[in-house]
Amino acid sequence: MIDSVDVPNLLTPKEAAALLNVSEDTLRRERLSGRLGDTRIRSKVFFTPEQLSAYIRSCAVFAPQGGAE
């Protein structure tokens, strides 16, 4: 009998690119530069929701508090 294993929700590059609203080429460049983490199973590349969230947080630009006057 196999023990229960937590399997992350894996997204294909096409799915991840659609969620981020970028092209698959942009996704590949970000992955190869190290700015976007990935999960590999043999030669296949996947992304977890946590990796995409971390990437979004690293790219986010926030407006200063208090608004412009």
N, C-alpha and C. Protein backbone atom coordinates (compact mmCIF):
# COMPACT_ATOMS: atom_id res chain seq x y z
N MET A 1 0.84 -1.18 0.00
CA MET A 1 0.00 0.00 0.00
C MET A 1 0.89 1.25 0.00
N ILE A 2 0.49 2.24 -0.77
CA ILE A 2 1.25 3.49 -0.88
C ILE A 2 0.71 4.47 0.15
N ASP A 3 1.64 5.11 0.87
CA ASP A 3 1.25 6.13 1.85
C ASP A 3 0.67 7.34 1.12
N SER A 4 -0.21 8.04 1.79
CA SER A 4 -0.80 9.26 1.24
C SER A 4 0.29 10.31 1.07
N VAL A 5 0.30 10.97 -0.07
CA VAL A 5 1.28 12.01 -0.37
C VAL A 5 0.53 13.26 -0.80
N ASP A 6 0.96 14.41 -0.28
CA ASP A 6 0.37 15.67 -0.72
C ASP A 6 0.92 16.00 -2.10
N VAL A 7 0.05 16.02 -3.08
CA VAL A 7 0.44 16.33 -4.45
C VAL A 7 0.00 17.76 -4.74
N PRO A 8 0.96 18.62 -5.10
CA PRO A 8 0.58 20.00 -5.38
C PRO A 8 -0.23 20.09 -6.67
N ASN A 9 -1.03 21.13 -6.74
CA ASN A 9 -1.78 21.40 -7.96
C ASN A 9 -0.78 21.92 -9.00
N LEU A 10 -0.53 21.17 -10.05
CA LEU A 10 0.47 21.55 -11.04
C LEU A 10 -0.20 22.13 -12.28
N LEU A 11 0.35 23.24 -12.74
CA LEU A 11 -0.15 23.92 -13.93
C LEU A 11 0.86 23.80 -15.05
N THR A 12 0.38 23.59 -16.25
CA THR A 12 1.25 23.54 -17.42
C THR A 12 1.72 24.96 -17.74
N PRO A 13 2.77 25.11 -18.54
CA PRO A 13 3.19 26.46 -18.95
C PRO A 13 2.05 27.23 -19.64
N LYS A 14 1.27 26.56 -20.44
CA LYS A 14 0.15 27.22 -21.12
C LYS A 14 -0.87 27.75 -20.11
N GLU A 15 -1.20 26.94 -19.11
CA GLU A 15 -2.15 27.36 -18.08
C GLU A 15 -1.58 28.50 -17.24
N ALA A 16 -0.31 28.39 -16.87
CA ALA A 16 0.33 29.43 -16.05
C ALA A 16 0.40 30.75 -16.82
N ALA A 17 0.74 30.70 -18.09
CA ALA A 17 0.82 31.91 -18.91
C ALA A 17 -0.55 32.57 -19.00
N ALA A 18 -1.59 31.77 -19.17
CA ALA A 18 -2.94 32.32 -19.25
C ALA A 18 -3.33 33.00 -17.93
N LEU A 19 -3.00 32.39 -16.80
CA LEU A 19 -3.32 32.97 -15.50
C LEU A 19 -2.58 34.29 -15.26
N LEU A 20 -1.35 34.37 -15.75
CA LEU A 20 -0.55 35.58 -15.57
C LEU A 20 -0.78 36.61 -16.67
N ASN A 21 -1.56 36.21 -17.69
CA ASN A 21 -1.84 37.07 -18.84
C ASN A 21 -0.56 37.49 -19.56
N VAL A 22 0.33 36.52 -19.76
CA VAL A 22 1.57 36.73 -20.51
C VAL A 22 1.69 35.62 -21.56
N SER A 23 2.60 35.77 -22.47
CA SER A 23 2.82 34.73 -23.47
C SER A 23 3.64 33.59 -22.86
N GLU A 24 3.59 32.45 -23.50
CA GLU A 24 4.41 31.33 -23.04
C GLU A 24 5.89 31.65 -23.19
N ASP A 25 6.25 32.47 -24.19
CA ASP A 25 7.66 32.87 -24.35
C ASP A 25 8.11 33.73 -23.17
N THR A 26 7.26 34.66 -22.73
CA THR A 26 7.60 35.49 -21.56
C THR A 26 7.74 34.62 -20.33
N LEU A 27 6.83 33.67 -20.15
CA LEU A 27 6.90 32.76 -19.02
C LEU A 27 8.22 31.99 -19.04
N ARG A 28 8.62 31.51 -20.20
CA ARG A 28 9.88 30.76 -20.34
C ARG A 28 11.07 31.64 -19.99
N ARG A 29 11.08 32.88 -20.48
CA ARG A 29 12.19 33.80 -20.18
C ARG A 29 12.29 34.07 -18.69
N GLU A 30 11.15 34.30 -18.04
CA GLU A 30 11.15 34.56 -16.60
C GLU A 30 11.64 33.34 -15.83
N ARG A 31 11.25 32.16 -16.27
CA ARG A 31 11.70 30.91 -15.62
C ARG A 31 13.20 30.73 -15.80
N LEU A 32 13.69 30.92 -17.02
CA LEU A 32 15.12 30.72 -17.29
C LEU A 32 15.99 31.76 -16.59
N SER A 33 15.44 32.96 -16.35
CA SER A 33 16.20 34.00 -15.66
C SER A 33 16.27 33.75 -14.15
N GLY A 34 15.40 32.86 -13.66
CA GLY A 34 15.36 32.59 -12.23
C GLY A 34 14.35 33.42 -11.46
N ARG A 35 13.65 34.30 -12.17
CA ARG A 35 12.65 35.14 -11.49
C ARG A 35 11.36 34.39 -11.19
N LEU A 36 11.13 33.27 -11.89
CA LEU A 36 9.93 32.47 -11.69
C LEU A 36 10.34 31.03 -11.42
N GLY A 37 9.96 30.53 -10.26
CA GLY A 37 10.29 29.15 -9.92
C GLY A 37 9.45 28.16 -10.71
N ASP A 38 9.95 26.96 -10.85
CA ASP A 38 9.20 25.92 -11.54
C ASP A 38 9.36 24.59 -10.82
N THR A 39 8.57 23.63 -11.24
CA THR A 39 8.63 22.27 -10.72
C THR A 39 8.79 21.36 -11.92
N ARG A 40 9.80 20.50 -11.88
CA ARG A 40 10.04 19.61 -13.02
C ARG A 40 9.81 18.17 -12.63
N ILE A 41 9.16 17.48 -13.52
CA ILE A 41 8.97 16.04 -13.39
C ILE A 41 9.53 15.45 -14.67
N ARG A 42 10.66 14.77 -14.51
CA ARG A 42 11.46 14.32 -15.65
C ARG A 42 11.78 15.53 -16.49
N SER A 43 11.42 15.57 -17.74
CA SER A 43 11.77 16.72 -18.57
C SER A 43 10.62 17.71 -18.71
N LYS A 44 9.52 17.47 -18.03
CA LYS A 44 8.35 18.35 -18.13
C LYS A 44 8.41 19.45 -17.08
N VAL A 45 7.98 20.64 -17.46
CA VAL A 45 7.99 21.80 -16.58
C VAL A 45 6.55 22.11 -16.17
N PHE A 46 6.37 22.34 -14.87
CA PHE A 46 5.08 22.71 -14.32
C PHE A 46 5.28 23.86 -13.34
N PHE A 47 4.16 24.48 -12.95
CA PHE A 47 4.18 25.57 -11.97
C PHE A 47 3.11 25.30 -10.93
N THR A 48 3.43 25.64 -9.68
CA THR A 48 2.43 25.53 -8.63
C THR A 48 1.79 26.92 -8.43
N PRO A 49 0.59 26.96 -7.88
CA PRO A 49 -0.02 28.26 -7.58
C PRO A 49 0.86 29.10 -6.66
N GLU A 50 1.56 28.45 -5.73
CA GLU A 50 2.45 29.17 -4.82
C GLU A 50 3.60 29.84 -5.57
N GLN A 51 4.15 29.16 -6.58
CA GLN A 51 5.23 29.75 -7.38
C GLN A 51 4.72 30.96 -8.16
N LEU A 52 3.52 30.86 -8.70
CA LEU A 52 2.95 31.99 -9.43
C LEU A 52 2.66 33.16 -8.48
N SER A 53 2.15 32.86 -7.29
CA SER A 53 1.88 33.93 -6.31
C SER A 53 3.16 34.63 -5.89
N ALA A 54 4.22 33.87 -5.66
CA ALA A 54 5.51 34.46 -5.29
C ALA A 54 6.03 35.36 -6.40
N TYR A 55 5.86 34.92 -7.64
CA TYR A 55 6.31 35.72 -8.79
C TYR A 55 5.51 37.03 -8.86
N ILE A 56 4.20 36.94 -8.68
CA ILE A 56 3.36 38.15 -8.72
C ILE A 56 3.79 39.12 -7.62
N ARG A 57 4.00 38.61 -6.42
CA ARG A 57 4.44 39.48 -5.31
C ARG A 57 5.77 40.14 -5.62
N SER A 58 6.69 39.41 -6.27
CA SER A 58 8.01 39.97 -6.57
C SER A 58 7.95 41.06 -7.64
N CYS A 59 6.91 41.03 -8.46
CA CYS A 59 6.77 42.00 -9.55
C CYS A 59 5.85 43.17 -9.19
N ALA A 60 5.14 43.07 -8.09
CA ALA A 60 4.13 44.07 -7.74
C ALA A 60 4.77 45.41 -7.40
N VAL A 61 4.13 46.46 -7.87
CA VAL A 61 4.54 47.83 -7.55
C VAL A 61 3.35 48.48 -6.88
N PHE A 62 3.56 48.97 -5.68
CA PHE A 62 2.46 49.54 -4.92
C PHE A 62 2.56 51.06 -4.90
N ALA A 63 1.41 51.70 -4.98
CA ALA A 63 1.35 53.17 -4.91
C ALA A 63 1.64 53.61 -3.47
N PRO A 64 2.25 54.78 -3.31
CA PRO A 64 2.52 55.27 -1.96
C PRO A 64 1.21 55.53 -1.21
N GLN A 65 1.27 55.39 0.10
CA GLN A 65 0.10 55.64 0.95
C GLN A 65 -0.22 57.13 0.96
N GLY A 66 -1.49 57.46 1.11
CA GLY A 66 -1.90 58.84 1.26
C GLY A 66 -2.34 59.49 -0.05
N GLY A 67 -2.04 58.87 -1.17
CA GLY A 67 -2.47 59.41 -2.45
C GLY A 67 -1.66 60.62 -2.88
N ALA A 68 -1.86 60.97 -4.12
CA ALA A 68 -1.15 62.13 -4.68
C ALA A 68 -1.91 63.40 -4.37
N GLU A 69 -1.19 64.47 -4.14
CA GLU A 69 -1.82 65.77 -3.88
C GLU A 69 -1.36 66.78 -4.87
